[in-house]
PDB file of N, CA and C in Angstrom:
ATOM      1  N   MET A   1       1.086  -1.204   0.034  1.00  0.00           N
ATOM      2  CA  MET A   1      -0.007  -0.041  -0.251  1.00  0.00           C
ATOM      3  C   MET A   1       0.915   1.381  -0.034  1.00  0.00           C
ATOM      4  N   ALA A   2       0.983   1.828  -0.923  1.00  0.00           N
ATOM      5  CA  ALA A   2       1.673   3.079  -1.048  1.00  0.00           C
ATOM      6  C   ALA A   2       0.838   4.454  -0.383  1.00  0.00           C
ATOM      7  N   SER A   3       2.042   4.992   0.075  1.00  0.00           N
ATOM      8  CA  SER A   3       1.218   6.508   0.644  1.00  0.00           C
ATOM      9  C   SER A   3       1.977   7.751   0.682  1.00  0.00           C
ATOM     10  N   GLU A   4       2.017   8.606   1.388  1.00  0.00           N
ATOM     11  CA  GLU A   4       2.922   9.868   1.015  1.00  0.00           C
ATOM     12  C   GLU A   4       4.018   9.697   1.775  1.00  0.00           C
ATOM     13  N   GLU A   5       4.189   8.760   2.738  1.00  0.00           N
ATOM     14  CA  GLU A   5       5.535   8.442   3.556  1.00  0.00           C
ATOM     15  C   GLU A   5       6.234   6.974   2.903  1.00  0.00           C
ATOM     16  N   GLN A   6       5.855   6.555   1.610  1.00  0.00           N
ATOM     17  CA  GLN A   6       6.810   5.900   0.966  1.00  0.00           C
ATOM     18  C   GLN A   6       7.231   6.301  -0.432  1.00  0.00           C
ATOM     19  N   VAL A   7       8.288   5.910  -1.112  1.00  0.00           N
ATOM     20  CA  VAL A   7       8.799   6.176  -2.169  1.00  0.00           C
ATOM     21  C   VAL A   7       8.759   4.814  -2.991  1.00  0.00           C
ATOM     22  N   ARG A   8       8.869   4.950  -4.115  1.00  0.00           N
ATOM     23  CA  ARG A   8       9.439   3.980  -5.277  1.00  0.00           C
ATOM     24  C   ARG A   8      10.384   4.597  -6.028  1.00  0.00           C
ATOM     25  N   VAL A   9      11.667   3.524  -6.081  1.00  0.00           N
ATOM     26  CA  VAL A   9      12.839   3.863  -6.540  1.00  0.00           C
ATOM     27  C   VAL A   9      13.520   2.657  -7.459  1.00  0.00           C
ATOM     28  N   SER A  10      14.160   2.991  -8.405  1.00  0.00           N
ATOM     29  CA  SER A  10      14.961   2.168  -9.082  1.00  0.00           C
ATOM     30  C   SER A  10      16.482   2.576  -8.787  1.00  0.00           C
ATOM     31  N   HIS A  11      17.339   1.527  -8.737  1.00  0.00           N
ATOM     32  CA  HIS A  11      18.959   2.184  -8.486  1.00  0.00           C
ATOM     33  C   HIS A  11      19.881   1.284  -9.343  1.00  0.00           C
ATOM     34  N   ILE A  12      21.003   2.003  -9.516  1.00  0.00           N
ATOM     35  CA  ILE A  12      22.050   1.137  -9.884  1.00  0.00           C
ATOM     36  C   ILE A  12      23.085   1.119  -9.010  1.00  0.00           C
ATOM     37  N   LEU A  13      23.531   0.226  -8.293  1.00  0.00           N
ATOM     38  CA  LEU A  13      24.726   0.021  -7.436  1.00  0.00           C
ATOM     39  C   LEU A  13      26.120  -0.322  -8.037  1.00  0.00           C
ATOM     40  N   ILE A  14      27.049   0.216  -7.836  1.00  0.00           N
ATOM     41  CA  ILE A  14      28.626   0.004  -8.140  1.00  0.00           C
ATOM     42  C   ILE A  14      28.983  -0.319  -6.844  1.00  0.00           C
ATOM     43  N   LYS A  15      29.871  -1.444  -6.601  1.00  0.00           N
ATOM     44  CA  LYS A  15      30.525  -1.884  -5.444  1.00  0.00           C
ATOM     45  C   LYS A  15      31.753  -1.692  -5.752  1.00  0.00           C
ATOM     46  N   HIS A  16      32.502  -1.138  -4.846  1.00  0.00           N
ATOM     47  CA  HIS A  16      33.886  -1.090  -4.728  1.00  0.00           C
ATOM     48  C   HIS A  16      34.638  -1.874  -3.595  1.00  0.00           C
ATOM     49  N   GLU A  17      36.129  -1.731  -3.545  1.00  0.00           N
ATOM     50  CA  GLU A  17      36.726  -2.101  -2.361  1.00  0.00           C
ATOM     51  C   GLU A  17      36.512  -1.620  -1.112  1.00  0.00           C
ATOM     52  N   GLY A  18      35.678  -0.519  -0.682  1.00  0.00           N
ATOM     53  CA  GLY A  18      35.236  -0.416   0.512  1.00  0.00           C
ATOM     54  C   GLY A  18      34.002  -0.564   0.765  1.00  0.00           C
ATOM     55  N   SER A  19      33.122  -1.483  -0.139  1.00  0.00           N
ATOM     56  CA  SER A  19      32.149  -1.783  -0.152  1.00  0.00           C
ATOM     57  C   SER A  19      31.792  -2.866   1.304  1.00  0.00           C
ATOM     58  N   ARG A  20      30.811  -2.932   2.314  1.00  0.00           N
ATOM     59  CA  ARG A  20      30.528  -3.686   3.085  1.00  0.00           C
ATOM     60  C   ARG A  20      30.347  -5.152   2.796  1.00  0.00           C
ATOM     61  N   ARG A  21      30.021  -5.648   1.594  1.00  0.00           N
ATOM     62  CA  ARG A  21      29.704  -6.969   1.084  1.00  0.00           C
ATOM     63  C   ARG A  21      30.677  -6.636  -0.247  1.00  0.00           C
ATOM     64  N   LYS A  22      31.661  -7.600  -0.389  1.00  0.00           N
ATOM     65  CA  LYS A  22      32.653  -7.433  -1.423  1.00  0.00           C
ATOM     66  C   LYS A  22      32.038  -8.730  -2.682  1.00  0.00           C
ATOM     67  N   ALA A  23      30.904  -9.172  -2.757  1.00  0.00           N
ATOM     68  CA  ALA A  23      30.265 -10.059  -3.582  1.00  0.00           C
ATOM     69  C   ALA A  23      29.113  -9.401  -4.190  1.00  0.00           C
ATOM     70  N   SER A  24      28.602  -9.995  -5.247  1.00  0.00           N
ATOM     71  CA  SER A  24      27.226  -9.531  -5.910  1.00  0.00           C
ATOM     72  C   SER A  24      27.209 -10.633  -7.153  1.00  0.00           C
ATOM     73  N   TRP A  25      25.858 -10.342  -7.580  1.00  0.00           N
ATOM     74  CA  TRP A  25      25.203 -11.771  -8.190  1.00  0.00           C
ATOM     75  C   TRP A  25      26.153 -11.594  -9.544  1.00  0.00           C
ATOM     76  N   LYS A  26      27.008 -10.782  -9.817  1.00  0.00           N
ATOM     77  CA  LYS A  26      27.422 -10.619 -11.030  1.00  0.00           C
ATOM     78  C   LYS A  26      28.986 -11.135 -10.959  1.00  0.00           C
ATOM     79  N   ASP A  27      29.326 -11.126  -9.623  1.00  0.00           N
ATOM     80  CA  ASP A  27      30.661 -11.041  -8.810  1.00  0.00           C
ATOM     81  C   ASP A  27      30.976 -11.870  -7.763  1.00  0.00           C
ATOM     82  N   PRO A  28      30.449 -13.236  -7.835  1.00  0.00           N
ATOM     83  CA  PRO A  28      30.023 -13.836  -6.608  1.00  0.00           C
ATOM     84  C   PRO A  28      31.426 -13.929  -5.829  1.00  0.00           C
ATOM     85  N   ASP A  29      32.741 -14.004  -6.408  1.00  0.00           N
ATOM     86  CA  ASP A  29      33.940 -14.325  -5.457  1.00  0.00           C
ATOM     87  C   ASP A  29      34.532 -12.529  -4.941  1.00  0.00           C
ATOM     88  N   GLY A  30      33.737 -11.668  -5.692  1.00  0.00           N
ATOM     89  CA  GLY A  30      34.145 -10.060  -5.464  1.00  0.00           C
ATOM     90  C   GLY A  30      35.560  -9.804  -5.716  1.00  0.00           C
ATOM     91  N   ARG A  31      36.138 -10.644  -6.785  1.00  0.00           N
ATOM     92  CA  ARG A  31      37.400 -10.379  -7.192  1.00  0.00           C
ATOM     93  C   ARG A  31      37.409  -8.952  -7.958  1.00  0.00           C
ATOM     94  N   VAL A  32      36.551  -8.699  -8.606  1.00  0.00           N
ATOM     95  CA  VAL A  32      36.437  -7.377  -9.556  1.00  0.00           C
ATOM     96  C   VAL A  32      35.885  -6.297  -8.410  1.00  0.00           C
ATOM     97  N   ILE A  33      35.181  -6.647  -7.466  1.00  0.00           N
ATOM     98  CA  ILE A  33      34.604  -5.677  -6.569  1.00  0.00           C
ATOM     99  C   ILE A  33      36.245  -5.105  -5.567  1.00  0.00           C
ATOM    100  N   CYS A  34      36.642  -6.210  -5.188  1.00  0.00           N
ATOM    101  CA  CYS A  34      38.178  -5.965  -4.393  1.00  0.00           C
ATOM    102  C   CYS A  34      39.170  -5.241  -5.270  1.00  0.00           C
ATOM    103  N   ALA A  35      39.025  -5.375  -6.361  1.00  0.00           N
ATOM    104  CA  ALA A  35      39.771  -4.444  -7.275  1.00  0.00           C
ATOM    105  C   ALA A  35      39.509  -3.367  -7.717  1.00  0.00           C
ATOM    106  N   THR A  36      38.509  -2.575  -7.404  1.00  0.00           N
ATOM    107  CA  THR A  36      37.536  -1.403  -7.743  1.00  0.00           C
ATOM    108  C   THR A  36      37.951  -0.382  -6.725  1.00  0.00           C
ATOM    109  N   THR A  37      38.562   0.500  -7.065  1.00  0.00           N
ATOM    110  CA  THR A  37      38.546   1.512  -6.428  1.00  0.00           C
ATOM    111  C   THR A  37      37.202   2.774  -5.858  1.00  0.00           C
ATOM    112  N   ARG A  38      36.900   3.201  -5.010  1.00  0.00           N
ATOM    113  CA  ARG A  38      35.904   4.162  -5.058  1.00  0.00           C
ATOM    114  C   ARG A  38      35.869   4.944  -6.317  1.00  0.00           C
ATOM    115  N   ASP A  39      36.863   5.551  -6.287  1.00  0.00           N
ATOM    116  CA  ASP A  39      36.965   6.777  -7.810  1.00  0.00           C
ATOM    117  C   ASP A  39      36.618   6.262  -9.050  1.00  0.00           C
ATOM    118  N   ALA A  40      37.054   4.572  -9.200  1.00  0.00           N
ATOM    119  CA  ALA A  40      36.929   4.147 -10.170  1.00  0.00           C
ATOM    120  C   ALA A  40      35.256   3.763 -10.477  1.00  0.00           C
ATOM    121  N   ALA A  41      34.801   3.479  -9.639  1.00  0.00           N
ATOM    122  CA  ALA A  41      32.990   3.125  -9.288  1.00  0.00           C
ATOM    123  C   ALA A  41      32.613   4.399  -9.440  1.00  0.00           C
ATOM    124  N   VAL A  42      32.791   5.548  -8.962  1.00  0.00           N
ATOM    125  CA  VAL A  42      32.530   7.030  -9.208  1.00  0.00           C
ATOM    126  C   VAL A  42      32.515   6.983 -10.584  1.00  0.00           C
ATOM    127  N   THR A  43      33.471   6.829 -11.434  1.00  0.00           N
ATOM    128  CA  THR A  43      33.698   7.339 -12.753  1.00  0.00           C
ATOM    129  C   THR A  43      32.941   6.482 -13.834  1.00  0.00           C
ATOM    130  N   GLN A  44      32.732   4.991 -13.516  1.00  0.00           N
ATOM    131  CA  GLN A  44      31.806   4.318 -14.026  1.00  0.00           C
ATOM    132  C   GLN A  44      30.464   4.813 -14.238  1.00  0.00           C
ATOM    133  N   LEU A  45      30.029   4.941 -13.076  1.00  0.00           N
ATOM    134  CA  LEU A  45      28.420   5.406 -12.556  1.00  0.00           C
ATOM    135  C   LEU A  45      28.181   6.780 -13.325  1.00  0.00           C
ATOM    136  N   ASN A  46      29.125   7.931 -13.195  1.00  0.00           N
ATOM    137  CA  ASN A  46      28.785   8.863 -13.811  1.00  0.00           C
ATOM    138  C   ASN A  46      28.790   8.713 -15.628  1.00  0.00           C
ATOM    139  N   GLY A  47      29.466   8.050 -15.831  1.00  0.00           N
ATOM    140  CA  GLY A  47      29.207   7.629 -17.156  1.00  0.00           C
ATOM    141  C   GLY A  47      28.127   6.925 -17.588  1.00  0.00           C
ATOM    142  N   LEU A  48      27.463   5.819 -16.668  1.00  0.00           N
ATOM    143  CA  LEU A  48      26.243   5.351 -16.957  1.00  0.00           C
ATOM    144  C   LEU A  48      25.117   6.085 -16.946  1.00  0.00           C
ATOM    145  N   ARG A  49      25.407   7.331 -15.560  1.00  0.00           N
ATOM    146  CA  ARG A  49      24.272   8.352 -15.558  1.00  0.00           C
ATOM    147  C   ARG A  49      24.269   9.281 -16.823  1.00  0.00           C
ATOM    148  N   ASP A  50      25.628   9.324 -17.605  1.00  0.00           N
ATOM    149  CA  ASP A  50      25.632  10.322 -18.688  1.00  0.00           C
ATOM    150  C   ASP A  50      24.582   9.915 -20.051  1.00  0.00           C
ATOM    151  N   SER A  51      24.993   8.427 -19.784  1.00  0.00           N
ATOM    152  CA  SER A  51      24.379   7.849 -21.297  1.00  0.00           C
ATOM    153  C   SER A  51      22.677   8.047 -20.985  1.00  0.00           C
ATOM    154  N   ILE A  52      22.314   7.553 -19.480  1.00  0.00           N
ATOM    155  CA  ILE A  52      20.859   7.621 -19.242  1.00  0.00           C
ATOM    156  C   ILE A  52      20.050   8.939 -19.710  1.00  0.00           C
ATOM    157  N   ILE A  53      20.818  10.503 -19.035  1.00  0.00           N
ATOM    158  CA  ILE A  53      20.425  11.478 -19.150  1.00  0.00           C
ATOM    159  C   ILE A  53      20.278  12.072 -20.991  1.00  0.00           C
ATOM    160  N   SER A  54      21.360  11.465 -21.530  1.00  0.00           N
ATOM    161  CA  SER A  54      21.109  12.148 -22.938  1.00  0.00           C
ATOM    162  C   SER A  54      20.155  10.956 -23.631  1.00  0.00           C
ATOM    163  N   GLY A  55      20.066  10.037 -23.165  1.00  0.00           N
ATOM    164  CA  GLY A  55      18.921   9.195 -24.060  1.00  0.00           C
ATOM    165  C   GLY A  55      19.642   7.915 -24.624  1.00  0.00           C
ATOM    166  N   GLN A  56      20.981   8.012 -24.639  1.00  0.00           N
ATOM    167  CA  GLN A  56      21.543   6.668 -25.250  1.00  0.00           C
ATOM    168  C   GLN A  56      21.099   5.449 -25.068  1.00  0.00           C
ATOM    169  N   ALA A  57      20.813   5.238 -23.487  1.00  0.00           N
ATOM    170  CA  ALA A  57      20.315   4.014 -22.864  1.00  0.00           C
ATOM    171  C   ALA A  57      19.177   4.554 -22.028  1.00  0.00           C
ATOM    172  N   ARG A  58      18.387   3.286 -21.688  1.00  0.00           N
ATOM    173  CA  ARG A  58      17.443   3.319 -21.018  1.00  0.00           C
ATOM    174  C   ARG A  58      18.078   2.961 -19.236  1.00  0.00           C
ATOM    175  N   PHE A  59      17.264   3.481 -18.565  1.00  0.00           N
ATOM    176  CA  PHE A  59      17.947   3.173 -17.078  1.00  0.00           C
ATOM    177  C   PHE A  59      17.742   1.681 -16.623  1.00  0.00           C
ATOM    178  N   GLU A  60      16.695   0.909 -16.936  1.00  0.00           N
ATOM    179  CA  GLU A  60      16.506  -0.112 -16.834  1.00  0.00           C
ATOM    180  C   GLU A  60      17.395  -1.206 -17.595  1.00  0.00           C
ATOM    181  N   GLU A  61      17.918  -1.076 -18.575  1.00  0.00           N
ATOM    182  CA  GLU A  61      18.917  -1.434 -19.396  1.00  0.00           C
ATOM    183  C   GLU A  61      20.002  -1.557 -18.735  1.00  0.00           C
ATOM    184  N   ILE A  62      20.724  -0.015 -18.187  1.00  0.00           N
ATOM    185  CA  ILE A  62      21.978  -0.115 -17.737  1.00  0.00           C
ATOM    186  C   ILE A  62      21.951  -0.747 -16.118  1.00  0.00           C
ATOM    187  N   ALA A  63      20.941  -0.682 -15.830  1.00  0.00           N
ATOM    188  CA  ALA A  63      20.825  -1.522 -14.481  1.00  0.00           C
ATOM    189  C   ALA A  63      20.693  -2.866 -14.305  1.00  0.00           C
ATOM    190  N   SER A  64      20.243  -3.616 -15.363  1.00  0.00           N
ATOM    191  CA  SER A  64      19.983  -4.939 -15.491  1.00  0.00           C
ATOM    192  C   SER A  64      21.610  -5.398 -16.007  1.00  0.00           C
ATOM    193  N   ARG A  65      22.333  -4.750 -16.550  1.00  0.00           N
ATOM    194  CA  ARG A  65      23.650  -4.943 -17.215  1.00  0.00           C
ATOM    195  C   ARG A  65      24.603  -4.568 -16.213  1.00  0.00           C
ATOM    196  N   PHE A  66      24.560  -3.581 -15.447  1.00  0.00           N
ATOM    197  CA  PHE A  66      25.981  -2.947 -14.656  1.00  0.00           C
ATOM    198  C   PHE A  66      25.827  -3.191 -12.952  1.00  0.00           C
ATOM    199  N   SER A  67      24.501  -2.997 -12.512  1.00  0.00           N
ATOM    200  CA  SER A  67      24.445  -2.955 -11.027  1.00  0.00           C
ATOM    201  C   SER A  67      24.443  -4.237 -10.512  1.00  0.00           C
ATOM    202  N   ASP A  68      25.192  -3.851  -9.329  1.00  0.00           N
ATOM    203  CA  ASP A  68      25.847  -4.992  -8.335  1.00  0.00           C
ATOM    204  C   ASP A  68      24.825  -5.810  -7.506  1.00  0.00           C
ATOM    205  N   CYS A  69      23.396  -4.691  -7.541  1.00  0.00           N
ATOM    206  CA  CYS A  69      22.640  -5.188  -6.742  1.00  0.00           C
ATOM    207  C   CYS A  69      21.676  -6.368  -7.307  1.00  0.00           C
ATOM    208  N   SER A  70      20.949  -7.245  -6.518  1.00  0.00           N
ATOM    209  CA  SER A  70      20.078  -7.965  -7.293  1.00  0.00           C
ATOM    210  C   SER A  70      18.979  -7.547  -7.907  1.00  0.00           C
ATOM    211  N   SER A  71      18.872  -6.509  -7.622  1.00  0.00           N
ATOM    212  CA  SER A  71      17.460  -5.674  -8.488  1.00  0.00           C
ATOM    213  C   SER A  71      17.735  -5.395  -9.864  1.00  0.00           C
ATOM    214  N   ALA A  72      18.755  -5.825  -9.897  1.00  0.00           N
ATOM    215  CA  ALA A  72      19.341  -5.669 -11.684  1.00  0.00           C
ATOM    216  C   ALA A  72      18.508  -6.500 -12.671  1.00  0.00           C
ATOM    217  N   LYS A  73      18.094  -7.608 -11.679  1.00  0.00           N
ATOM    218  CA  LYS A  73      17.084  -8.258 -12.648  1.00  0.00           C
ATOM    219  C   LYS A  73      15.706  -8.069 -12.760  1.00  0.00           C
ATOM    220  N   ARG A  74      15.388  -6.864 -11.981  1.00  0.00           N
ATOM    221  CA  ARG A  74      14.174  -5.849 -12.232  1.00  0.00           C
ATOM    222  C   ARG A  74      14.211  -4.706 -12.975  1.00  0.00           C
ATOM    223  N   GLY A  75      15.374  -4.588 -13.581  1.00  0.00           N
ATOM    224  CA  GLY A  75      15.716  -3.255 -14.072  1.00  0.00           C
ATOM    225  C   GLY A  75      16.175  -2.374 -12.772  1.00  0.00           C
ATOM    226  N   GLY A  76      16.564  -2.441 -11.645  1.00  0.00           N
ATOM    227  CA  GLY A  76      16.997  -1.809 -10.551  1.00  0.00           C
ATOM    228  C   GLY A  76      16.048  -1.558  -9.858  1.00  0.00           C
ATOM    229  N   ASP A  77      14.370  -1.786  -9.942  1.00  0.00           N
ATOM    230  CA  ASP A  77      13.499  -1.641  -9.100  1.00  0.00           C
ATOM    231  C   ASP A  77      13.752  -2.310  -7.529  1.00  0.00           C
ATOM    232  N   LEU A  78      13.336  -1.207  -6.759  1.00  0.00           N
ATOM    233  CA  LEU A  78      13.346  -1.760  -5.442  1.00  0.00           C
ATOM    234  C   LEU A  78      11.932  -1.740  -4.864  1.00  0.00           C
ATOM    235  N   GLY A  79      10.819  -1.401  -5.475  1.00  0.00           N
ATOM    236  CA  GLY A  79       9.381  -1.409  -4.955  1.00  0.00           C
ATOM    237  C   GLY A  79       9.230  -0.129  -4.351  1.00  0.00           C
ATOM    238  N   TYR A  80       8.140  -0.272  -3.368  1.00  0.00           N
ATOM    239  CA  TYR A  80       7.881   0.735  -2.420  1.00  0.00           C
ATOM    240  C   TYR A  80       8.937   0.838  -1.185  1.00  0.00           C
ATOM    241  N   PHE A  81       9.053   1.616  -0.625  1.00  0.00           N
ATOM    242  CA  PHE A  81       9.559   1.421   0.817  1.00  0.00           C
ATOM    243  C   PHE A  81       9.652   2.992   1.466  1.00  0.00           C
ATOM    244  N   GLY A  82       9.362   2.742   2.900  1.00  0.00           N
ATOM    245  CA  GLY A  82       8.922   4.000   3.934  1.00  0.00           C
ATOM    246  C   GLY A  82      10.295   4.492   4.799  1.00  0.00           C
ATOM    247  N   ARG A  83      10.043   5.134   5.800  1.00  0.00           N
ATOM    248  CA  ARG A  83      11.298   5.724   6.134  1.00  0.00           C
ATOM    249  C   ARG A  83      12.038   4.705   7.252  1.00  0.00           C
ATOM    250  N   ASN A  84      13.104   4.851   7.642  1.00  0.00           N
ATOM    251  CA  ASN A  84      13.919   3.820   8.122  1.00  0.00           C
ATOM    252  C   ASN A  84      13.992   2.540   7.581  1.00  0.00           C
ATOM    253  N   GLN A  85      14.393   2.519   6.263  1.00  0.00           N
ATOM    254  CA  GLN A  85      14.226   1.002   5.762  1.00  0.00           C
ATOM    255  C   GLN A  85      15.122   0.717   5.175  1.00  0.00           C
ATOM    256  N   MET A  86      15.916   1.843   4.647  1.00  0.00           N
ATOM    257  CA  MET A  86      17.439   1.864   4.084  1.00  0.00           C
ATOM    258  C   MET A  86      18.096   2.692   4.776  1.00  0.00           C
ATOM    259  N   GLN A  87      19.463   2.725   4.118  1.00  0.00           N
ATOM    260  CA  GLN A  87      20.498   3.009   4.622  1.00  0.00           C
ATOM    261  C   GLN A  87      20.343   4.641   4.865  1.00  0.00           C
ATOM    262  N   LYS A  88      20.553   5.522   5.511  1.00  0.00           N
ATOM    263  CA  LYS A  88      19.991   6.936   5.496  1.00  0.00           C
ATOM    264  C   LYS A  88      20.494   7.937   4.369  1.00  0.00           C
ATOM    265  N   PRO A  89      21.607   8.121   3.894  1.00  0.00           N
ATOM    266  CA  PRO A  89      21.883   8.676   2.785  1.00  0.00           C
ATOM    267  C   PRO A  89      20.946   8.294   1.657  1.00  0.00           C
ATOM    268  N   PHE A  90      20.798   6.753   1.360  1.00  0.00           N
ATOM    269  CA  PHE A  90      20.061   6.403   0.177  1.00  0.00           C
ATOM    270  C   PHE A  90      18.781   6.885   0.601  1.00  0.00           C
ATOM    271  N   GLU A  91      17.880   6.549   1.564  1.00  0.00           N
ATOM    272  CA  GLU A  91      16.894   7.310   2.056  1.00  0.00           C
ATOM    273  C   GLU A  91      16.273   8.706   1.801  1.00  0.00           C
ATOM    274  N   GLU A  92      17.424   9.414   2.376  1.00  0.00           N
ATOM    275  CA  GLU A  92      17.377  11.094   2.292  1.00  0.00           C
ATOM    276  C   GLU A  92      17.337  11.236   0.957  1.00  0.00           C
ATOM    277  N   THR A  93      18.122  11.112   0.127  1.00  0.00           N
ATOM    278  CA  THR A  93      17.941  10.938  -1.643  1.00  0.00           C
ATOM    279  C   THR A  93      16.761  10.542  -1.922  1.00  0.00           C
ATOM    280  N   ALA A  94      16.374   9.494  -1.819  1.00  0.00           N
ATOM    281  CA  ALA A  94      15.049   8.801  -2.100  1.00  0.00           C
ATOM    282  C   ALA A  94      13.883   9.988  -2.003  1.00  0.00           C
ATOM    283  N   PHE A  95      13.648  10.291  -0.718  1.00  0.00           N
ATOM    284  CA  PHE A  95      12.675  11.181  -0.416  1.00  0.00           C
ATOM    285  C   PHE A  95      12.813  12.519  -0.998  1.00  0.00           C
ATOM    286  N   ALA A  96      13.901  13.018  -1.368  1.00  0.00           N
ATOM    287  CA  ALA A  96      14.233  14.625  -1.845  1.00  0.00           C
ATOM    288  C   ALA A  96      14.126  14.456  -3.377  1.00  0.00           C
ATOM    289  N   LEU A  97      14.080  13.264  -3.944  1.00  0.00           N
ATOM    290  CA  LEU A  97      14.041  13.230  -5.415  1.00  0.00           C
ATOM    291  C   LEU A  97      12.282  13.265  -5.655  1.00  0.00           C
ATOM    292  N   LYS A  98      11.881  14.198  -6.622  1.00  0.00           N
ATOM    293  CA  LYS A  98      10.522  14.166  -7.225  1.00  0.00           C
ATOM    294  C   LYS A  98      10.395  13.077  -8.279  1.00  0.00           C
ATOM    295  N   THR A  99       9.259  12.624  -8.389  1.00  0.00           N
ATOM    296  CA  THR A  99       9.181  11.489  -9.278  1.00  0.00           C
ATOM    297  C   THR A  99       9.572  11.661 -10.736  1.00  0.00           C
ATOM    298  N   GLY A 100      10.259  10.947 -11.329  1.00  0.00           N
ATOM    299  CA  GLY A 100      11.145  11.272 -12.497  1.00  0.00           C
ATOM    300  C   GLY A 100      12.517  11.650 -12.474  1.00  0.00           C
ATOM    301  N   GLU A 101      12.828  12.020 -11.346  1.00  0.00           N
ATOM    302  CA  GLU A 101      14.225  12.479 -11.192  1.00  0.00           C
ATOM    303  C   GLU A 101      15.138  11.618 -10.774  1.00  0.00           C
ATOM    304  N   LEU A 102      16.453  11.786 -11.484  1.00  0.00           N
ATOM    305  CA  LEU A 102      17.625  11.005 -11.288  1.00  0.00           C
ATOM    306  C   LEU A 102      18.642  11.753 -10.606  1.00  0.00           C
ATOM    307  N   SER A 103      19.013  11.104  -9.401  1.00  0.00           N
ATOM    308  CA  SER A 103      19.897  11.460  -8.256  1.00  0.00           C
ATOM    309  C   SER A 103      21.379  11.676  -9.049  1.00  0.00           C
ATOM    310  N   GLU A 104      22.356  12.278  -8.130  1.00  0.00           N
ATOM    311  CA  GLU A 104      23.847  12.481  -8.302  1.00  0.00           C
ATOM    312  C   GLU A 104      24.251  11.104  -7.836  1.00  0.00           C
ATOM    313  N   ILE A 105      25.435  10.869  -7.659  1.00  0.00           N
ATOM    314  CA  ILE A 105      25.800   9.862  -6.927  1.00  0.00           C
ATOM    315  C   ILE A 105      25.602   9.859  -5.165  1.00  0.00           C
ATOM    316  N   VAL A 106      25.182   8.727  -5.035  1.00  0.00           N
ATOM    317  CA  VAL A 106      25.094   8.977  -3.285  1.00  0.00           C
ATOM    318  C   VAL A 106      25.759   7.655  -2.769  1.00  0.00           C
ATOM    319  N   ASP A 107      26.752   7.880  -1.755  1.00  0.00           N
ATOM    320  CA  ASP A 107      27.363   6.985  -1.248  1.00  0.00           C
ATOM    321  C   ASP A 107      26.898   6.388   0.195  1.00  0.00           C
ATOM    322  N   THR A 108      26.968   5.147  -0.141  1.00  0.00           N
ATOM    323  CA  THR A 108      26.335   4.210   1.133  1.00  0.00           C
ATOM    324  C   THR A 108      27.361   3.224   1.727  1.00  0.00           C
ATOM    325  N   ASP A 109      27.258   2.361   2.733  1.00  0.00           N
ATOM    326  CA  ASP A 109      27.867   1.273   3.269  1.00  0.00           C
ATOM    327  C   ASP A 109      28.240   0.175   1.631  1.00  0.00           C
ATOM    328  N   SER A 110      27.091   0.074   0.996  1.00  0.00           N
ATOM    329  CA  SER A 110      27.126  -0.648   0.290  1.00  0.00           C
ATOM    330  C   SER A 110      27.881  -0.477  -0.981  1.00  0.00           C
ATOM    331  N   GLY A 111      27.973   0.581  -1.592  1.00  0.00           N
ATOM    332  CA  GLY A 111      28.629   1.053  -2.506  1.00  0.00           C
ATOM    333  C   GLY A 111      28.233   2.634  -2.926  1.00  0.00           C
ATOM    334  N   VAL A 112      28.300   2.896  -4.190  1.00  0.00           N
ATOM    335  CA  VAL A 112      27.721   4.177  -4.806  1.00  0.00           C
ATOM    336  C   VAL A 112      26.797   3.792  -5.432  1.00  0.00           C
ATOM    337  N   HIS A 113      25.547   4.726  -5.634  1.00  0.00           N
ATOM    338  CA  HIS A 113      24.360   4.549  -6.469  1.00  0.00           C
ATOM    339  C   HIS A 113      23.912   5.492  -7.074  1.00  0.00           C
ATOM    340  N   ILE A 114      23.329   5.580  -8.246  1.00  0.00           N
ATOM    341  CA  ILE A 114      22.387   6.612  -8.675  1.00  0.00           C
ATOM    342  C   ILE A 114      21.118   5.987  -8.413  1.00  0.00           C
ATOM    343  N   ILE A 115      19.931   7.096  -8.120  1.00  0.00           N
ATOM    344  CA  ILE A 115      18.654   6.610  -7.804  1.00  0.00           C
ATOM    345  C   ILE A 115      17.683   7.224  -8.624  1.00  0.00           C
ATOM    346  N   TRP A 116      17.047   6.689  -9.184  1.00  0.00           N
ATOM    347  CA  TRP A 116      15.576   7.284  -9.962  1.00  0.00           C
ATOM    348  C   TRP A 116      14.338   6.721  -9.233  1.00  0.00           C
ATOM    349  N   ARG A 117      13.840   7.927  -9.030  1.00  0.00           N
ATOM    350  CA  ARG A 117      12.890   7.799  -8.221  1.00  0.00           C
ATOM    351  C   ARG A 117      11.352   7.719  -9.196  1.00  0.00           C
ATOM    352  N   THR A 118      10.457   6.706  -8.958  1.00  0.00           N
ATOM    353  CA  THR A 118       9.748   6.115 -10.053  1.00  0.00           C
ATOM    354  C   THR A 118       8.431   6.347  -9.438  1.00  0.00           C
ATOM    355  N   GLY A 119       8.134   6.683  -7.946  1.00  0.00           N
ATOM    356  CA  GLY A 119       6.552   6.678  -7.609  1.00  0.00           C
ATOM    357  C   GLY A 119       6.906   6.988  -6.104  1.00  0.00           C
TER     358      GLY A 119
END
């Protein structure tokens, strides 16, 4: 049940050597993640963000291909969530966005994200 205290977002997560979990669905052993600096993750994510903004690629396609989150299987969709369910920087950004807006880079313990508010 959606309410004004819930948002729906999709995101793209790029993990790096400082991420709390060093494995993902596409890197189960964490070899690539452990060898990726935060700066390299941010650079990659900025490039992906630019491709989305310019219209060269759709958010869902980029998320499905590049996100380290298992939500990649759903085009990055995390569904609806309320307050105090996500890491603070992620939550604050998600609630601050207007529907249809794409965030700048957001740092969490999981890695770096871009967030697209869909509802």
